[in-house]
Amino acid sequence: MSRLPVPLSGGPARALLRRATGEDLPALVAMLADDPLGRAREYAEGDLAPYRRAFALIDADPAQLLVVAAARADVVAMLQLSFLPGLSRRGAVRVEVEGVRVRKDHRGSGRGRRCCGGRSGRRGTGAVLSCS
């Protein structure tokens, strides 16, 4: 169903957009915890069990896609795509982009913007990309 992985062009290091795996979880939680909002609510050090449960739910849901940008073997960015069916626009499926995070040493490179550039992995299926 998904057309991942795909190369992510531009930026200081070549990267590949791919579906996140459970092995990526520590890096994902670290990115969530390393921003102004996440510092107060996320816990990169310690028990990852709540994040593992959430990851399993997201990964099992065909309407959700957790995507990472990997440069070499390092996860440097992430985003979550939620596919929302609707009646408007003749039954169009909207794609909501959320949870976009870029690792601190890659911020300012435009990587987050390029991750949101329509590379949902389902482009061409009639989905409408909605970045919020």
C-alpha atoms as a PDB file:
ATOM      1  CA  MET A   1       0.000   0.000   0.000  1.00  0.00           C
ATOM      2  CA  SER A   2       2.829   2.397   0.846  1.00  0.00           C
ATOM      3  CA  ARG A   3       5.469   3.483  -1.635  1.00  0.00           C
ATOM      4  CA  LEU A   4       8.158   3.935   0.985  1.00  0.00           C
ATOM      5  CA  PRO A   5      11.110   4.103   1.149  1.00  0.00           C
ATOM      6  CA  VAL A   6      11.796   7.137  -1.040  1.00  0.00           C
ATOM      7  CA  PRO A   7      14.852   9.408  -1.203  1.00  0.00           C
ATOM      8  CA  LEU A   8      14.557  12.832   0.431  1.00  0.00           C
ATOM      9  CA  SER A   9      16.360  15.271  -1.835  1.00  0.00           C
ATOM     10  CA  GLY A  10      18.386  18.290  -0.799  1.00  0.00           C
ATOM     11  CA  GLY A  11      19.946  19.173   2.518  1.00  0.00           C
ATOM     12  CA  PRO A  12      23.411  18.592   3.940  1.00  0.00           C
ATOM     13  CA  ALA A  13      23.173  14.795   3.963  1.00  0.00           C
ATOM     14  CA  ARG A  14      21.203  12.457   1.746  1.00  0.00           C
ATOM     15  CA  ALA A  15      18.298  10.863   3.561  1.00  0.00           C
ATOM     16  CA  LEU A  16      15.681   8.225   2.954  1.00  0.00           C
ATOM     17  CA  LEU A  17      12.052   8.525   4.023  1.00  0.00           C
ATOM     18  CA  ARG A  18      10.865   5.173   5.337  1.00  0.00           C
ATOM     19  CA  ARG A  19       8.286   3.652   7.632  1.00  0.00           C
ATOM     20  CA  ALA A  20       9.367   3.836  11.286  1.00  0.00           C
ATOM     21  CA  THR A  21      10.190   0.610  13.104  1.00  0.00           C
ATOM     22  CA  GLY A  22      10.239  -0.283  16.780  1.00  0.00           C
ATOM     23  CA  GLU A  23      14.027  -0.003  16.692  1.00  0.00           C
ATOM     24  CA  ASP A  24      13.637   3.715  15.904  1.00  0.00           C
ATOM     25  CA  LEU A  25      11.646   4.388  19.074  1.00  0.00           C
ATOM     26  CA  PRO A  26      14.480   5.720  21.300  1.00  0.00           C
ATOM     27  CA  ALA A  27      15.481   8.224  18.593  1.00  0.00           C
ATOM     28  CA  LEU A  28      11.849   9.254  18.033  1.00  0.00           C
ATOM     29  CA  VAL A  29      11.211   9.854  21.732  1.00  0.00           C
ATOM     30  CA  ALA A  30      14.482  11.801  21.997  1.00  0.00           C
ATOM     31  CA  MET A  31      13.296  14.136  19.215  1.00  0.00           C
ATOM     32  CA  LEU A  32       9.901  14.554  20.904  1.00  0.00           C
ATOM     33  CA  ALA A  33      11.600  15.441  24.194  1.00  0.00           C
ATOM     34  CA  ASP A  34      14.042  17.880  22.587  1.00  0.00           C
ATOM     35  CA  ASP A  35      11.730  20.781  21.803  1.00  0.00           C
ATOM     36  CA  PRO A  36      10.140  23.493  23.959  1.00  0.00           C
ATOM     37  CA  LEU A  37       6.801  21.678  24.356  1.00  0.00           C
ATOM     38  CA  GLY A  38       8.223  18.197  24.659  1.00  0.00           C
ATOM     39  CA  ARG A  39      10.684  19.058  27.422  1.00  0.00           C
ATOM     40  CA  ALA A  40       7.797  19.356  29.878  1.00  0.00           C
ATOM     41  CA  ARG A  41       5.802  16.297  28.783  1.00  0.00           C
ATOM     42  CA  GLU A  42       8.092  13.702  27.180  1.00  0.00           C
ATOM     43  CA  TYR A  43      10.600  11.404  28.882  1.00  0.00           C
ATOM     44  CA  ALA A  44      13.410  10.211  26.627  1.00  0.00           C
ATOM     45  CA  GLU A  45      15.293   8.736  29.569  1.00  0.00           C
ATOM     46  CA  GLY A  46      13.554   5.931  31.382  1.00  0.00           C
ATOM     47  CA  ASP A  47      10.557   3.728  30.727  1.00  0.00           C
ATOM     48  CA  LEU A  48       9.649   3.577  27.030  1.00  0.00           C
ATOM     49  CA  ALA A  49       6.667   1.252  27.663  1.00  0.00           C
ATOM     50  CA  PRO A  50       4.009   3.964  27.073  1.00  0.00           C
ATOM     51  CA  TYR A  51       5.708   4.891  23.796  1.00  0.00           C
ATOM     52  CA  ARG A  52       5.962   1.224  22.762  1.00  0.00           C
ATOM     53  CA  ARG A  53       2.204   0.814  23.339  1.00  0.00           C
ATOM     54  CA  ALA A  54       1.434   3.932  21.320  1.00  0.00           C
ATOM     55  CA  PHE A  55       3.811   2.858  18.543  1.00  0.00           C
ATOM     56  CA  ALA A  56       2.137  -0.565  18.329  1.00  0.00           C
ATOM     57  CA  LEU A  57      -1.309   1.072  18.002  1.00  0.00           C
ATOM     58  CA  ILE A  58      -0.111   3.492  15.327  1.00  0.00           C
ATOM     59  CA  ASP A  59       1.761   0.795  13.419  1.00  0.00           C
ATOM     60  CA  ALA A  60      -1.258  -1.541  13.429  1.00  0.00           C
ATOM     61  CA  ASP A  61      -3.679   1.120  12.156  1.00  0.00           C
ATOM     62  CA  PRO A  62      -3.826   1.264   8.330  1.00  0.00           C
ATOM     63  CA  ALA A  63      -4.999   4.894   8.552  1.00  0.00           C
ATOM     64  CA  GLN A  64      -1.773   5.936  10.328  1.00  0.00           C
ATOM     65  CA  LEU A  65       1.783   6.063   9.045  1.00  0.00           C
ATOM     66  CA  LEU A  66       4.797   7.003  11.147  1.00  0.00           C
ATOM     67  CA  VAL A  67       7.619   8.082   8.841  1.00  0.00           C
ATOM     68  CA  VAL A  68      11.284   8.751   9.577  1.00  0.00           C
ATOM     69  CA  ALA A  69      14.023  10.392   7.570  1.00  0.00           C
ATOM     70  CA  ALA A  70      17.201   8.379   7.960  1.00  0.00           C
ATOM     71  CA  ALA A  71      20.582   9.783   6.958  1.00  0.00           C
ATOM     72  CA  ARG A  72      22.919   6.823   6.773  1.00  0.00           C
ATOM     73  CA  ALA A  73      21.793   4.756   9.766  1.00  0.00           C
ATOM     74  CA  ASP A  74      20.705   7.763  11.872  1.00  0.00           C
ATOM     75  CA  VAL A  75      17.080   8.842  12.283  1.00  0.00           C
ATOM     76  CA  VAL A  76      17.159  12.615  11.797  1.00  0.00           C
ATOM     77  CA  ALA A  77      13.476  13.530  11.358  1.00  0.00           C
ATOM     78  CA  MET A  78       9.996  12.110  11.885  1.00  0.00           C
ATOM     79  CA  LEU A  79       6.361  12.802  11.114  1.00  0.00           C
ATOM     80  CA  GLN A  80       3.032  11.068  11.478  1.00  0.00           C
ATOM     81  CA  LEU A  81       0.489  10.897   8.656  1.00  0.00           C
ATOM     82  CA  SER A  82      -3.181  10.334   9.442  1.00  0.00           C
ATOM     83  CA  PHE A  83      -5.423   9.390   6.521  1.00  0.00           C
ATOM     84  CA  LEU A  84      -8.920  10.813   7.037  1.00  0.00           C
ATOM     85  CA  PRO A  85     -11.762   9.767   4.735  1.00  0.00           C
ATOM     86  CA  GLY A  86     -14.492  12.315   4.112  1.00  0.00           C
ATOM     87  CA  LEU A  87     -17.651  12.839   2.137  1.00  0.00           C
ATOM     88  CA  SER A  88     -16.663  16.245   0.784  1.00  0.00           C
ATOM     89  CA  ARG A  89     -14.676  16.566  -2.432  1.00  0.00           C
ATOM     90  CA  ARG A  90     -16.445  13.484  -3.750  1.00  0.00           C
ATOM     91  CA  GLY A  91     -15.193  11.236  -0.965  1.00  0.00           C
ATOM     92  CA  ALA A  92     -11.634  12.537  -0.854  1.00  0.00           C
ATOM     93  CA  VAL A  93      -9.141  11.228   1.669  1.00  0.00           C
ATOM     94  CA  ARG A  94      -7.291  13.990   3.506  1.00  0.00           C
ATOM     95  CA  VAL A  95      -3.808  13.462   4.878  1.00  0.00           C
ATOM     96  CA  GLU A  96      -3.058  15.236   8.137  1.00  0.00           C
ATOM     97  CA  VAL A  97       0.626  15.736   8.908  1.00  0.00           C
ATOM     98  CA  GLU A  98       1.504  15.971  12.577  1.00  0.00           C
ATOM     99  CA  GLY A  99       4.332  15.390  15.007  1.00  0.00           C
ATOM    100  CA  VAL A 100       6.980  16.740  12.642  1.00  0.00           C
ATOM    101  CA  ARG A 101      10.302  16.769  14.462  1.00  0.00           C
ATOM    102  CA  VAL A 102      13.858  17.250  13.223  1.00  0.00           C
ATOM    103  CA  ARG A 103      16.895  16.270  15.259  1.00  0.00           C
ATOM    104  CA  LYS A 104      18.607  19.322  16.748  1.00  0.00           C
ATOM    105  CA  ASP A 105      21.787  19.048  14.665  1.00  0.00           C
ATOM    106  CA  HIS A 106      19.710  18.968  11.448  1.00  0.00           C
ATOM    107  CA  ARG A 107      17.334  21.850  12.239  1.00  0.00           C
ATOM    108  CA  GLY A 108      17.398  24.839   9.921  1.00  0.00           C
ATOM    109  CA  SER A 109      18.353  22.701   6.931  1.00  0.00           C
ATOM    110  CA  GLY A 110      14.801  22.599   5.501  1.00  0.00           C
ATOM    111  CA  ARG A 111      14.541  18.868   6.164  1.00  0.00           C
ATOM    112  CA  GLY A 112      11.220  19.164   8.039  1.00  0.00           C
ATOM    113  CA  ARG A 113       9.713  21.214   5.221  1.00  0.00           C
ATOM    114  CA  ARG A 114      10.917  18.690   2.645  1.00  0.00           C
ATOM    115  CA  CYS A 115       9.474  15.831   4.710  1.00  0.00           C
ATOM    116  CA  CYS A 116       6.076  17.554   4.422  1.00  0.00           C
ATOM    117  CA  GLY A 117       6.513  18.164   0.700  1.00  0.00           C
ATOM    118  CA  GLY A 118       3.860  15.654  -0.315  1.00  0.00           C
ATOM    119  CA  ARG A 119       5.975  12.521   0.114  1.00  0.00           C
ATOM    120  CA  SER A 120       3.226  10.748   1.980  1.00  0.00           C
ATOM    121  CA  GLY A 121       3.909   7.383   0.397  1.00  0.00           C
ATOM    122  CA  ARG A 122       0.342   7.347  -0.920  1.00  0.00           C
ATOM    123  CA  ARG A 123       0.523  10.184  -3.394  1.00  0.00           C
ATOM    124  CA  GLY A 124      -1.449   9.476  -6.537  1.00  0.00           C
ATOM    125  CA  THR A 125      -4.249   7.746  -4.632  1.00  0.00           C
ATOM    126  CA  GLY A 126      -6.472  10.823  -4.496  1.00  0.00           C
ATOM    127  CA  ALA A 127      -5.383  11.858  -0.995  1.00  0.00           C
ATOM    128  CA  VAL A 128      -5.299  15.579  -0.245  1.00  0.00           C
ATOM    129  CA  LEU A 129      -2.283  16.631   1.829  1.00  0.00           C
ATOM    130  CA  SER A 130      -3.253  18.861   4.764  1.00  0.00           C
ATOM    131  CA  CYS A 131      -0.317  20.175   6.825  1.00  0.00           C
ATOM    132  CA  SER A 132      -1.448  21.462  10.204  1.00  0.00           C
END
